[in-house]
Amino acid sequence: MIRIKELTQEQRDALENMKKNHQGHMPRMRAHAVLLSETGFEVQELSKIFGVCRQTTATWLKSWNKAGLAGLEDKPRSGRPPRKTQTA
């Protein structure tokens, strides 16, 4: 069972800010999962809430424990950037 360490008020505030204001959808979900985990939600419950597999949720919590907010950010991906399309 994966548990996050008890959050400080500063960490809670930073997570709430990320959950509400981050431009990326996934970092917002990850921040929300960490906040819910602190209140006692289990990995299995979080997986159902966010519609992801248990291993994905566990990875989010491990990333938080290891790197804090930086661990919840999207990692750079390889590949070609998306094409820009013209709007008429």
N, C-alpha and C. Protein backbone atom coordinates (compact mmCIF):
# COMPACT_ATOMS: atom_id res chain seq x y z
N MET A 1 0.84 -1.17 0.00
CA MET A 1 0.00 0.00 0.00
C MET A 1 0.89 1.24 0.00
N ILE A 2 0.61 2.16 -0.88
CA ILE A 2 1.40 3.37 -1.01
C ILE A 2 0.69 4.50 -0.28
N ARG A 3 1.44 5.15 0.55
CA ARG A 3 0.93 6.30 1.30
C ARG A 3 1.84 7.49 1.03
N ILE A 4 1.25 8.66 0.99
CA ILE A 4 2.09 9.84 0.89
C ILE A 4 2.41 10.32 2.30
N LYS A 5 3.51 11.03 2.41
CA LYS A 5 3.88 11.60 3.71
C LYS A 5 2.91 12.72 4.04
N GLU A 6 2.74 13.00 5.31
CA GLU A 6 1.83 14.06 5.72
C GLU A 6 2.25 15.38 5.07
N LEU A 7 1.27 16.08 4.52
CA LEU A 7 1.54 17.33 3.81
C LEU A 7 1.62 18.51 4.77
N THR A 8 2.52 19.43 4.45
CA THR A 8 2.56 20.70 5.17
C THR A 8 1.48 21.60 4.56
N GLN A 9 1.16 22.67 5.24
CA GLN A 9 0.17 23.61 4.70
C GLN A 9 0.68 24.23 3.40
N GLU A 10 1.97 24.48 3.32
CA GLU A 10 2.57 25.03 2.10
C GLU A 10 2.41 24.05 0.93
N GLN A 11 2.61 22.76 1.19
CA GLN A 11 2.44 21.75 0.14
C GLN A 11 0.98 21.65 -0.29
N ARG A 12 0.07 21.69 0.69
CA ARG A 12 -1.36 21.64 0.37
C ARG A 12 -1.75 22.82 -0.52
N ASP A 13 -1.27 24.01 -0.15
CA ASP A 13 -1.59 25.20 -0.93
C ASP A 13 -1.05 25.08 -2.36
N ALA A 14 0.18 24.59 -2.49
CA ALA A 14 0.79 24.43 -3.82
C ALA A 14 0.01 23.40 -4.64
N LEU A 15 -0.41 22.30 -4.02
CA LEU A 15 -1.19 21.28 -4.72
C LEU A 15 -2.57 21.82 -5.13
N GLU A 16 -3.20 22.56 -4.25
CA GLU A 16 -4.51 23.16 -4.58
C GLU A 16 -4.36 24.12 -5.75
N ASN A 17 -3.29 24.90 -5.73
CA ASN A 17 -3.03 25.83 -6.82
C ASN A 17 -2.82 25.08 -8.13
N MET A 18 -2.04 24.00 -8.09
CA MET A 18 -1.81 23.20 -9.29
C MET A 18 -3.12 22.58 -9.77
N LYS A 19 -3.90 22.08 -8.84
CA LYS A 19 -5.17 21.42 -9.19
C LYS A 19 -6.13 22.40 -9.88
N LYS A 20 -6.12 23.65 -9.45
CA LYS A 20 -7.07 24.63 -9.99
C LYS A 20 -6.54 25.41 -11.18
N ASN A 21 -5.23 25.64 -11.24
CA ASN A 21 -4.72 26.61 -12.21
C ASN A 21 -3.73 26.09 -13.24
N HIS A 22 -3.27 24.86 -13.11
CA HIS A 22 -2.28 24.36 -14.07
C HIS A 22 -2.92 24.24 -15.45
N GLN A 23 -2.17 24.59 -16.49
CA GLN A 23 -2.75 24.54 -17.83
C GLN A 23 -2.93 23.11 -18.34
N GLY A 24 -2.17 22.14 -17.82
CA GLY A 24 -2.29 20.76 -18.27
C GLY A 24 -3.30 19.98 -17.45
N HIS A 25 -4.07 19.16 -18.12
CA HIS A 25 -5.10 18.35 -17.45
C HIS A 25 -4.48 17.28 -16.53
N MET A 26 -3.47 16.58 -17.01
CA MET A 26 -2.89 15.49 -16.23
C MET A 26 -2.22 15.97 -14.94
N PRO A 27 -1.42 17.04 -14.97
CA PRO A 27 -0.87 17.52 -13.69
C PRO A 27 -1.96 17.92 -12.69
N ARG A 28 -3.07 18.46 -13.19
CA ARG A 28 -4.18 18.79 -12.28
C ARG A 28 -4.74 17.53 -11.64
N MET A 29 -4.91 16.47 -12.43
CA MET A 29 -5.41 15.20 -11.89
C MET A 29 -4.45 14.62 -10.85
N ARG A 30 -3.16 14.65 -11.17
CA ARG A 30 -2.16 14.10 -10.25
C ARG A 30 -2.17 14.85 -8.92
N ALA A 31 -2.24 16.17 -8.99
CA ALA A 31 -2.28 16.98 -7.76
C ALA A 31 -3.53 16.63 -6.94
N HIS A 32 -4.66 16.48 -7.61
CA HIS A 32 -5.90 16.13 -6.92
C HIS A 32 -5.78 14.75 -6.26
N ALA A 33 -5.15 13.82 -6.95
CA ALA A 33 -4.97 12.47 -6.40
C ALA A 33 -4.12 12.51 -5.13
N VAL A 34 -3.07 13.32 -5.13
CA VAL A 34 -2.22 13.42 -3.94
C VAL A 34 -3.02 14.01 -2.77
N LEU A 35 -3.80 15.04 -3.05
CA LEU A 35 -4.62 15.64 -1.99
C LEU A 35 -5.63 14.63 -1.43
N LEU A 36 -6.27 13.87 -2.30
CA LEU A 36 -7.23 12.87 -1.83
C LEU A 36 -6.54 11.74 -1.07
N SER A 37 -5.35 11.38 -1.51
CA SER A 37 -4.60 10.32 -0.83
C SER A 37 -4.30 10.70 0.61
N GLU A 38 -3.99 11.97 0.81
CA GLU A 38 -3.69 12.41 2.18
C GLU A 38 -4.92 12.29 3.08
N THR A 39 -6.10 12.43 2.51
CA THR A 39 -7.32 12.34 3.33
C THR A 39 -7.74 10.90 3.59
N GLY A 40 -7.00 9.92 3.03
CA GLY A 40 -7.28 8.53 3.34
C GLY A 40 -7.75 7.67 2.19
N PHE A 41 -7.88 8.22 1.01
CA PHE A 41 -8.29 7.41 -0.14
C PHE A 41 -7.17 6.44 -0.51
N GLU A 42 -7.55 5.21 -0.80
CA GLU A 42 -6.61 4.16 -1.20
C GLU A 42 -6.34 4.25 -2.70
N VAL A 43 -5.26 3.63 -3.13
CA VAL A 43 -4.88 3.63 -4.55
C VAL A 43 -6.02 3.10 -5.41
N GLN A 44 -6.63 2.01 -4.99
CA GLN A 44 -7.73 1.41 -5.76
C GLN A 44 -8.89 2.40 -5.93
N GLU A 45 -9.23 3.12 -4.87
CA GLU A 45 -10.32 4.10 -4.95
C GLU A 45 -9.96 5.25 -5.88
N LEU A 46 -8.73 5.72 -5.76
CA LEU A 46 -8.27 6.81 -6.62
C LEU A 46 -8.28 6.40 -8.08
N SER A 47 -7.92 5.16 -8.35
CA SER A 47 -7.93 4.65 -9.72
C SER A 47 -9.33 4.71 -10.32
N LYS A 48 -10.32 4.35 -9.55
CA LYS A 48 -11.70 4.41 -10.02
C LYS A 48 -12.14 5.86 -10.23
N ILE A 49 -11.80 6.73 -9.30
CA ILE A 49 -12.19 8.14 -9.41
C ILE A 49 -11.64 8.77 -10.68
N PHE A 50 -10.37 8.52 -10.98
CA PHE A 50 -9.70 9.17 -12.11
C PHE A 50 -9.73 8.36 -13.40
N GLY A 51 -10.26 7.15 -13.34
CA GLY A 51 -10.40 6.33 -14.54
C GLY A 51 -9.09 5.86 -15.13
N VAL A 52 -8.14 5.55 -14.25
CA VAL A 52 -6.84 5.04 -14.68
C VAL A 52 -6.56 3.74 -13.94
N CYS A 53 -5.57 2.99 -14.40
CA CYS A 53 -5.26 1.74 -13.73
C CYS A 53 -4.56 2.00 -12.40
N ARG A 54 -4.56 1.00 -11.56
CA ARG A 54 -3.98 1.09 -10.22
C ARG A 54 -2.50 1.44 -10.29
N GLN A 55 -1.80 0.86 -11.25
CA GLN A 55 -0.37 1.11 -11.37
C GLN A 55 -0.08 2.58 -11.71
N THR A 56 -0.91 3.18 -12.54
CA THR A 56 -0.75 4.59 -12.89
C THR A 56 -0.90 5.46 -11.65
N THR A 57 -1.93 5.20 -10.86
CA THR A 57 -2.15 5.97 -9.64
C THR A 57 -0.98 5.79 -8.68
N ALA A 58 -0.50 4.59 -8.55
CA ALA A 58 0.64 4.33 -7.67
C ALA A 58 1.87 5.09 -8.14
N THR A 59 2.06 5.17 -9.44
CA THR A 59 3.19 5.91 -10.01
C THR A 59 3.08 7.40 -9.67
N TRP A 60 1.86 7.95 -9.74
CA TRP A 60 1.67 9.36 -9.39
C TRP A 60 2.09 9.61 -7.94
N LEU A 61 1.65 8.75 -7.03
CA LEU A 61 1.96 8.95 -5.62
C LEU A 61 3.45 8.75 -5.33
N LYS A 62 4.06 7.77 -5.99
CA LYS A 62 5.50 7.57 -5.83
C LYS A 62 6.28 8.77 -6.35
N SER A 63 5.83 9.33 -7.47
CA SER A 63 6.49 10.51 -8.04
C SER A 63 6.40 11.69 -7.09
N TRP A 64 5.25 11.85 -6.45
CA TRP A 64 5.10 12.92 -5.46
C TRP A 64 6.06 12.70 -4.29
N ASN A 65 6.11 11.48 -3.77
CA ASN A 65 6.99 11.19 -2.63
C ASN A 65 8.46 11.43 -2.98
N LYS A 66 8.81 11.17 -4.22
CA LYS A 66 10.21 11.29 -4.64
C LYS A 66 10.60 12.73 -4.99
N ALA A 67 9.73 13.43 -5.74
CA ALA A 67 10.14 14.73 -6.30
C ALA A 67 9.21 15.89 -5.99
N GLY A 68 8.16 15.67 -5.22
CA GLY A 68 7.25 16.77 -4.91
C GLY A 68 6.48 17.22 -6.14
N LEU A 69 6.22 18.54 -6.22
CA LEU A 69 5.44 19.08 -7.34
C LEU A 69 6.07 18.77 -8.69
N ALA A 70 7.38 18.80 -8.76
CA ALA A 70 8.06 18.52 -10.02
C ALA A 70 7.74 17.10 -10.51
N GLY A 71 7.51 16.18 -9.60
CA GLY A 71 7.17 14.81 -9.97
C GLY A 71 5.80 14.66 -10.59
N LEU A 72 4.95 15.68 -10.44
CA LEU A 72 3.59 15.63 -10.99
C LEU A 72 3.49 16.26 -12.36
N GLU A 73 4.53 16.94 -12.79
CA GLU A 73 4.54 17.59 -14.11
C GLU A 73 4.69 16.54 -15.21
N ASP A 74 4.21 16.88 -16.41
CA ASP A 74 4.40 16.01 -17.57
C ASP A 74 5.88 16.00 -17.94
N LYS A 75 6.38 14.84 -18.31
CA LYS A 75 7.77 14.69 -18.75
C LYS A 75 7.84 14.98 -20.24
N PRO A 76 8.98 15.49 -20.72
CA PRO A 76 9.13 15.72 -22.16
C PRO A 76 8.98 14.40 -22.93
N ARG A 77 8.39 14.49 -24.09
CA ARG A 77 8.18 13.31 -24.93
C ARG A 77 8.90 13.50 -26.26
N SER A 78 9.29 12.41 -26.83
CA SER A 78 9.94 12.48 -28.14
C SER A 78 8.87 12.53 -29.22
N GLY A 79 9.31 12.87 -30.41
CA GLY A 79 8.39 12.87 -31.53
C GLY A 79 8.24 14.24 -32.13
N ARG A 80 7.59 14.23 -33.23
CA ARG A 80 7.40 15.46 -33.98
C ARG A 80 6.36 16.34 -33.31
N PRO A 81 6.58 17.65 -33.27
CA PRO A 81 5.57 18.56 -32.72
C PRO A 81 4.31 18.54 -33.59
N PRO A 82 3.16 18.84 -33.02
CA PRO A 82 1.94 18.85 -33.83
C PRO A 82 1.98 19.96 -34.88
N ARG A 83 1.28 19.71 -36.00
CA ARG A 83 1.19 20.71 -37.05
C ARG A 83 0.23 21.80 -36.65
N LYS A 84 0.53 23.00 -37.08
CA LYS A 84 -0.40 24.09 -36.88
C LYS A 84 -1.38 24.09 -38.04
N THR A 85 -2.65 24.24 -37.75
CA THR A 85 -3.64 24.27 -38.82
C THR A 85 -4.16 25.69 -38.97
N GLN A 86 -4.51 26.05 -40.18
CA GLN A 86 -5.06 27.38 -40.42
C GLN A 86 -6.55 27.34 -40.14
N THR A 87 -7.03 28.37 -39.50
CA THR A 87 -8.47 28.48 -39.28
C THR A 87 -9.04 29.44 -40.29
N ALA A 88 -10.17 29.09 -40.84
CA ALA A 88 -10.76 29.91 -41.90
C ALA A 88 -11.57 31.04 -41.33
